Amino acid sequence: MKTTGSVQTISKNIEAVKARLLALGEMRPGSLTRQYNVCGKPNCRCKDPEHPRRHGPYYKLSYAHKGKFTTQFIRKEALAQVRSELANYKKFRSLSAQWVDLALQLAKLKLTLLP
């Protein structure tokens, strides 16, 4: 039966997605931005009228979680780790969406198999 094979194929695909989810490392939501700032000192390099040079770069992480919007500055030493965690979160979201899509396909297919 082709439909039974499809059920098995979709089920195998779901298991593959689950395995990939389990293999993800640490994660965090959000986006990372690089910023340059101007300070309040009147004779600072950042306020030079001809060649202003802002302070920075500073890295800021912004995200919303449980209805709260949060921002925090990230040290240069932690950038690689934070970028990896952000990438893992994007993979998590993508894999979760794939799982839901497959689960809906499977549920729909099972309904067609009912007597």
N, C-alpha and C. Protein backbone atom coordinates (compact mmCIF):
# COMPACT_ATOMS: atom_id res chain seq x y z
N MET A 1 0.83 -1.19 0.00
CA MET A 1 0.00 0.00 0.00
C MET A 1 0.87 1.25 0.00
N LYS A 2 0.55 2.15 -0.88
CA LYS A 2 1.33 3.38 -0.97
C LYS A 2 1.09 4.29 0.24
N THR A 3 -0.13 4.35 0.73
CA THR A 3 -0.43 5.23 1.86
C THR A 3 0.27 4.77 3.13
N THR A 4 0.37 3.46 3.34
CA THR A 4 1.08 2.95 4.52
C THR A 4 2.55 3.32 4.42
N GLY A 5 3.09 3.20 3.22
CA GLY A 5 4.47 3.61 3.01
C GLY A 5 4.66 5.09 3.29
N SER A 6 3.69 5.90 2.95
CA SER A 6 3.77 7.33 3.21
C SER A 6 3.74 7.61 4.71
N VAL A 7 2.93 6.85 5.43
CA VAL A 7 2.87 6.99 6.88
C VAL A 7 4.24 6.67 7.47
N GLN A 8 4.84 5.59 6.99
CA GLN A 8 6.16 5.20 7.48
C GLN A 8 7.21 6.24 7.12
N THR A 9 7.14 6.76 5.90
CA THR A 9 8.11 7.77 5.46
C THR A 9 7.99 9.03 6.30
N ILE A 10 6.78 9.49 6.51
CA ILE A 10 6.57 10.70 7.31
C ILE A 10 7.03 10.46 8.75
N SER A 11 6.72 9.28 9.29
CA SER A 11 7.15 8.96 10.65
C SER A 11 8.67 8.94 10.76
N LYS A 12 9.34 8.40 9.77
CA LYS A 12 10.81 8.39 9.76
C LYS A 12 11.35 9.82 9.68
N ASN A 13 10.71 10.64 8.87
CA ASN A 13 11.14 12.04 8.76
C ASN A 13 10.97 12.78 10.08
N ILE A 14 9.88 12.49 10.79
CA ILE A 14 9.66 13.11 12.11
C ILE A 14 10.75 12.68 13.07
N GLU A 15 11.09 11.39 13.06
CA GLU A 15 12.16 10.90 13.94
C GLU A 15 13.50 11.56 13.61
N ALA A 16 13.76 11.80 12.32
CA ALA A 16 14.99 12.46 11.92
C ALA A 16 15.03 13.90 12.44
N VAL A 17 13.90 14.59 12.36
CA VAL A 17 13.82 15.96 12.88
C VAL A 17 14.05 15.96 14.39
N LYS A 18 13.45 15.00 15.10
CA LYS A 18 13.64 14.91 16.55
C LYS A 18 15.11 14.70 16.89
N ALA A 19 15.79 13.85 16.14
CA ALA A 19 17.21 13.58 16.39
C ALA A 19 18.04 14.85 16.17
N ARG A 20 17.71 15.60 15.13
CA ARG A 20 18.44 16.85 14.87
C ARG A 20 18.18 17.87 15.98
N LEU A 21 16.96 17.89 16.50
CA LEU A 21 16.65 18.80 17.61
C LEU A 21 17.46 18.44 18.85
N LEU A 22 17.57 17.14 19.13
CA LEU A 22 18.33 16.70 20.30
C LEU A 22 19.81 17.02 20.17
N ALA A 23 20.31 17.11 18.94
CA ALA A 23 21.73 17.36 18.72
C ALA A 23 22.09 18.85 18.84
N LEU A 24 21.08 19.71 18.89
CA LEU A 24 21.38 21.14 19.01
C LEU A 24 22.05 21.43 20.34
N GLY A 25 22.93 22.38 20.34
CA GLY A 25 23.58 22.80 21.58
C GLY A 25 22.78 23.89 22.27
N GLU A 26 23.49 24.69 23.04
CA GLU A 26 22.84 25.78 23.76
C GLU A 26 22.27 26.78 22.77
N MET A 27 21.18 27.43 23.15
CA MET A 27 20.53 28.37 22.25
C MET A 27 19.97 29.55 23.01
N ARG A 28 19.73 30.59 22.26
CA ARG A 28 19.06 31.78 22.79
C ARG A 28 18.39 32.51 21.64
N PRO A 29 17.25 33.14 21.91
CA PRO A 29 16.59 33.91 20.87
C PRO A 29 17.21 35.30 20.75
N GLY A 30 16.91 35.98 19.68
CA GLY A 30 17.29 37.37 19.59
C GLY A 30 18.09 37.71 18.35
N SER A 31 18.53 38.97 18.35
CA SER A 31 19.37 39.44 17.26
C SER A 31 20.50 40.27 17.87
N LEU A 32 21.61 40.25 17.19
CA LEU A 32 22.81 40.91 17.66
C LEU A 32 23.09 42.10 16.74
N THR A 33 23.31 43.26 17.32
CA THR A 33 23.62 44.44 16.52
C THR A 33 24.94 45.04 16.99
N ARG A 34 25.60 45.70 16.05
CA ARG A 34 26.85 46.39 16.36
C ARG A 34 26.55 47.87 16.38
N GLN A 35 27.01 48.54 17.44
CA GLN A 35 26.70 49.96 17.60
C GLN A 35 27.96 50.76 17.86
N TYR A 36 27.91 52.01 17.44
CA TYR A 36 28.96 52.98 17.74
C TYR A 36 28.28 54.16 18.41
N ASN A 37 28.86 54.65 19.50
CA ASN A 37 28.20 55.67 20.29
C ASN A 37 29.00 56.97 20.32
N VAL A 38 28.28 58.04 20.65
CA VAL A 38 28.86 59.35 20.88
C VAL A 38 28.72 59.63 22.37
N CYS A 39 29.82 60.06 23.01
CA CYS A 39 29.77 60.31 24.46
C CYS A 39 29.40 61.77 24.74
N GLY A 40 29.42 62.14 25.99
CA GLY A 40 29.02 63.49 26.38
C GLY A 40 30.18 64.45 26.60
N LYS A 41 31.41 64.00 26.40
CA LYS A 41 32.56 64.89 26.62
C LYS A 41 32.70 65.87 25.45
N PRO A 42 32.80 67.16 25.73
CA PRO A 42 32.78 68.15 24.65
C PRO A 42 33.99 68.09 23.70
N ASN A 43 35.16 67.72 24.17
CA ASN A 43 36.35 67.72 23.33
C ASN A 43 36.79 66.32 22.91
N CYS A 44 35.89 65.37 22.93
CA CYS A 44 36.22 63.98 22.61
C CYS A 44 36.33 63.78 21.11
N ARG A 45 37.05 62.74 20.72
CA ARG A 45 37.24 62.40 19.30
C ARG A 45 35.92 62.15 18.58
N CYS A 46 34.91 61.72 19.33
CA CYS A 46 33.63 61.40 18.70
C CYS A 46 32.86 62.66 18.30
N LYS A 47 33.33 63.81 18.78
CA LYS A 47 32.64 65.07 18.43
C LYS A 47 33.51 65.97 17.56
N ASP A 48 34.58 65.45 17.05
CA ASP A 48 35.46 66.23 16.16
C ASP A 48 34.63 66.70 14.97
N PRO A 49 34.60 68.00 14.68
CA PRO A 49 33.75 68.52 13.60
C PRO A 49 34.16 68.04 12.20
N GLU A 50 35.44 67.77 12.00
CA GLU A 50 35.90 67.36 10.67
C GLU A 50 35.97 65.85 10.49
N HIS A 51 36.47 65.14 11.50
CA HIS A 51 36.64 63.69 11.42
C HIS A 51 36.16 63.01 12.70
N PRO A 52 34.85 62.98 12.92
CA PRO A 52 34.37 62.33 14.16
C PRO A 52 34.59 60.82 14.11
N ARG A 53 35.07 60.26 15.21
CA ARG A 53 35.26 58.80 15.34
C ARG A 53 34.48 58.35 16.57
N ARG A 54 33.40 57.68 16.32
CA ARG A 54 32.55 57.22 17.42
C ARG A 54 33.22 56.12 18.22
N HIS A 55 32.74 55.93 19.43
CA HIS A 55 33.25 54.88 20.31
C HIS A 55 32.60 53.55 19.95
N GLY A 56 33.38 52.51 19.98
CA GLY A 56 32.82 51.20 19.70
C GLY A 56 33.75 50.38 18.86
N PRO A 57 33.33 49.28 18.37
CA PRO A 57 31.93 48.84 18.36
C PRO A 57 31.51 48.21 19.69
N TYR A 58 30.24 48.36 19.97
CA TYR A 58 29.60 47.70 21.10
C TYR A 58 28.56 46.75 20.51
N TYR A 59 28.41 45.59 21.10
CA TYR A 59 27.47 44.59 20.59
C TYR A 59 26.30 44.46 21.54
N LYS A 60 25.11 44.55 20.98
CA LYS A 60 23.90 44.51 21.81
C LYS A 60 23.00 43.38 21.33
N LEU A 61 22.56 42.57 22.28
CA LEU A 61 21.62 41.48 22.02
C LEU A 61 20.23 41.96 22.42
N SER A 62 19.27 41.77 21.52
CA SER A 62 17.88 42.15 21.80
C SER A 62 16.98 40.96 21.54
N TYR A 63 16.03 40.74 22.47
CA TYR A 63 15.08 39.64 22.28
C TYR A 63 13.84 39.86 23.13
N ALA A 64 12.79 39.15 22.77
CA ALA A 64 11.55 39.16 23.55
C ALA A 64 11.32 37.74 24.06
N HIS A 65 10.99 37.62 25.34
CA HIS A 65 10.71 36.32 25.94
C HIS A 65 9.63 36.48 27.00
N LYS A 66 8.59 35.67 26.88
CA LYS A 66 7.44 35.72 27.80
C LYS A 66 6.85 37.12 27.88
N GLY A 67 6.77 37.77 26.72
CA GLY A 67 6.16 39.08 26.67
C GLY A 67 7.04 40.23 27.12
N LYS A 68 8.27 39.95 27.49
CA LYS A 68 9.17 41.01 27.94
C LYS A 68 10.27 41.21 26.91
N PHE A 69 10.50 42.46 26.55
CA PHE A 69 11.56 42.79 25.63
C PHE A 69 12.82 43.11 26.44
N THR A 70 13.93 42.52 26.06
CA THR A 70 15.18 42.66 26.80
C THR A 70 16.32 42.99 25.86
N THR A 71 17.23 43.84 26.34
CA THR A 71 18.47 44.08 25.62
C THR A 71 19.62 43.97 26.61
N GLN A 72 20.76 43.52 26.11
CA GLN A 72 21.94 43.45 26.94
C GLN A 72 23.18 43.58 26.07
N PHE A 73 24.20 44.19 26.62
CA PHE A 73 25.44 44.32 25.88
C PHE A 73 26.24 43.04 26.03
N ILE A 74 26.94 42.67 24.95
CA ILE A 74 27.72 41.44 24.91
C ILE A 74 29.19 41.81 24.73
N ARG A 75 30.03 41.25 25.56
CA ARG A 75 31.47 41.50 25.45
C ARG A 75 32.03 40.80 24.22
N LYS A 76 33.09 41.36 23.69
CA LYS A 76 33.72 40.79 22.49
C LYS A 76 34.14 39.34 22.72
N GLU A 77 34.57 39.02 23.93
CA GLU A 77 35.01 37.66 24.24
C GLU A 77 33.88 36.64 24.14
N ALA A 78 32.65 37.09 24.28
CA ALA A 78 31.50 36.19 24.26
C ALA A 78 30.78 36.17 22.91
N LEU A 79 31.24 36.94 21.93
CA LEU A 79 30.55 37.06 20.65
C LEU A 79 30.39 35.73 19.93
N ALA A 80 31.46 34.95 19.86
CA ALA A 80 31.39 33.67 19.14
C ALA A 80 30.35 32.75 19.77
N GLN A 81 30.34 32.68 21.09
CA GLN A 81 29.38 31.83 21.80
C GLN A 81 27.96 32.32 21.55
N VAL A 82 27.72 33.60 21.66
CA VAL A 82 26.38 34.16 21.47
C VAL A 82 25.91 33.94 20.04
N ARG A 83 26.80 34.15 19.07
CA ARG A 83 26.43 33.91 17.67
C ARG A 83 26.06 32.45 17.43
N SER A 84 26.79 31.54 18.04
CA SER A 84 26.48 30.12 17.93
C SER A 84 25.12 29.80 18.54
N GLU A 85 24.84 30.36 19.70
CA GLU A 85 23.56 30.15 20.37
C GLU A 85 22.41 30.72 19.54
N LEU A 86 22.60 31.87 18.92
CA LEU A 86 21.58 32.46 18.06
C LEU A 86 21.32 31.58 16.84
N ALA A 87 22.40 31.04 16.26
CA ALA A 87 22.26 30.14 15.10
C ALA A 87 21.52 28.87 15.49
N ASN A 88 21.82 28.34 16.67
CA ASN A 88 21.13 27.13 17.14
C ASN A 88 19.65 27.40 17.36
N TYR A 89 19.32 28.59 17.84
CA TYR A 89 17.90 28.92 18.05
C TYR A 89 17.17 29.00 16.71
N LYS A 90 17.83 29.56 15.69
CA LYS A 90 17.21 29.61 14.36
C LYS A 90 16.99 28.20 13.82
N LYS A 91 17.95 27.32 14.03
CA LYS A 91 17.80 25.92 13.61
C LYS A 91 16.64 25.27 14.37
N PHE A 92 16.55 25.56 15.67
CA PHE A 92 15.47 25.02 16.50
C PHE A 92 14.11 25.44 15.95
N ARG A 93 13.97 26.72 15.61
CA ARG A 93 12.70 27.22 15.08
C ARG A 93 12.36 26.55 13.75
N SER A 94 13.36 26.41 12.90
CA SER A 94 13.15 25.79 11.59
C SER A 94 12.76 24.32 11.74
N LEU A 95 13.48 23.60 12.59
CA LEU A 95 13.19 22.18 12.79
C LEU A 95 11.82 21.98 13.44
N SER A 96 11.47 22.86 14.37
CA SER A 96 10.15 22.77 15.01
C SER A 96 9.04 22.96 13.98
N ALA A 97 9.24 23.90 13.08
CA ALA A 97 8.25 24.14 12.02
C ALA A 97 8.15 22.92 11.10
N GLN A 98 9.29 22.30 10.79
CA GLN A 98 9.27 21.09 9.96
C GLN A 98 8.50 19.97 10.66
N TRP A 99 8.71 19.83 11.95
CA TRP A 99 8.03 18.79 12.72
C TRP A 99 6.52 19.00 12.67
N VAL A 100 6.09 20.23 12.88
CA VAL A 100 4.66 20.53 12.84
C VAL A 100 4.09 20.23 11.45
N ASP A 101 4.81 20.64 10.41
CA ASP A 101 4.35 20.36 9.04
C ASP A 101 4.19 18.85 8.82
N LEU A 102 5.19 18.09 9.23
CA LEU A 102 5.13 16.64 9.06
C LEU A 102 4.01 16.02 9.90
N ALA A 103 3.85 16.52 11.11
CA ALA A 103 2.80 16.00 11.99
C ALA A 103 1.42 16.24 11.39
N LEU A 104 1.24 17.41 10.78
CA LEU A 104 -0.05 17.71 10.14
C LEU A 104 -0.27 16.81 8.92
N GLN A 105 0.77 16.58 8.14
CA GLN A 105 0.66 15.67 7.00
C GLN A 105 0.29 14.27 7.47
N LEU A 106 0.94 13.83 8.53
CA LEU A 106 0.69 12.50 9.06
C LEU A 106 -0.74 12.38 9.59
N ALA A 107 -1.19 13.37 10.31
CA ALA A 107 -2.55 13.34 10.85
C ALA A 107 -3.59 13.30 9.72
N LYS A 108 -3.36 14.10 8.70
CA LYS A 108 -4.28 14.14 7.57
C LYS A 108 -4.29 12.80 6.84
N LEU A 109 -3.12 12.21 6.66
CA LEU A 109 -3.01 10.92 6.00
C LEU A 109 -3.68 9.82 6.79
N LYS A 110 -3.52 9.84 8.10
CA LYS A 110 -4.16 8.82 8.95
C LYS A 110 -5.68 8.90 8.90
N LEU A 111 -6.19 10.12 8.76
CA LEU A 111 -7.65 10.28 8.65
C LEU A 111 -8.18 9.63 7.37
N THR A 112 -7.38 9.69 6.30
CA THR A 112 -7.82 9.09 5.05
C THR A 112 -7.78 7.56 5.12
N LEU A 113 -7.02 7.01 6.04
CA LEU A 113 -6.90 5.56 6.17
C LEU A 113 -7.98 4.95 7.04
N LEU A 114 -8.75 5.79 7.72
CA LEU A 114 -9.83 5.27 8.57
C LEU A 114 -10.90 4.61 7.70
N PRO A 115 -11.49 3.51 8.24
CA PRO A 115 -12.52 2.81 7.46
C PRO A 115 -13.81 3.62 7.34
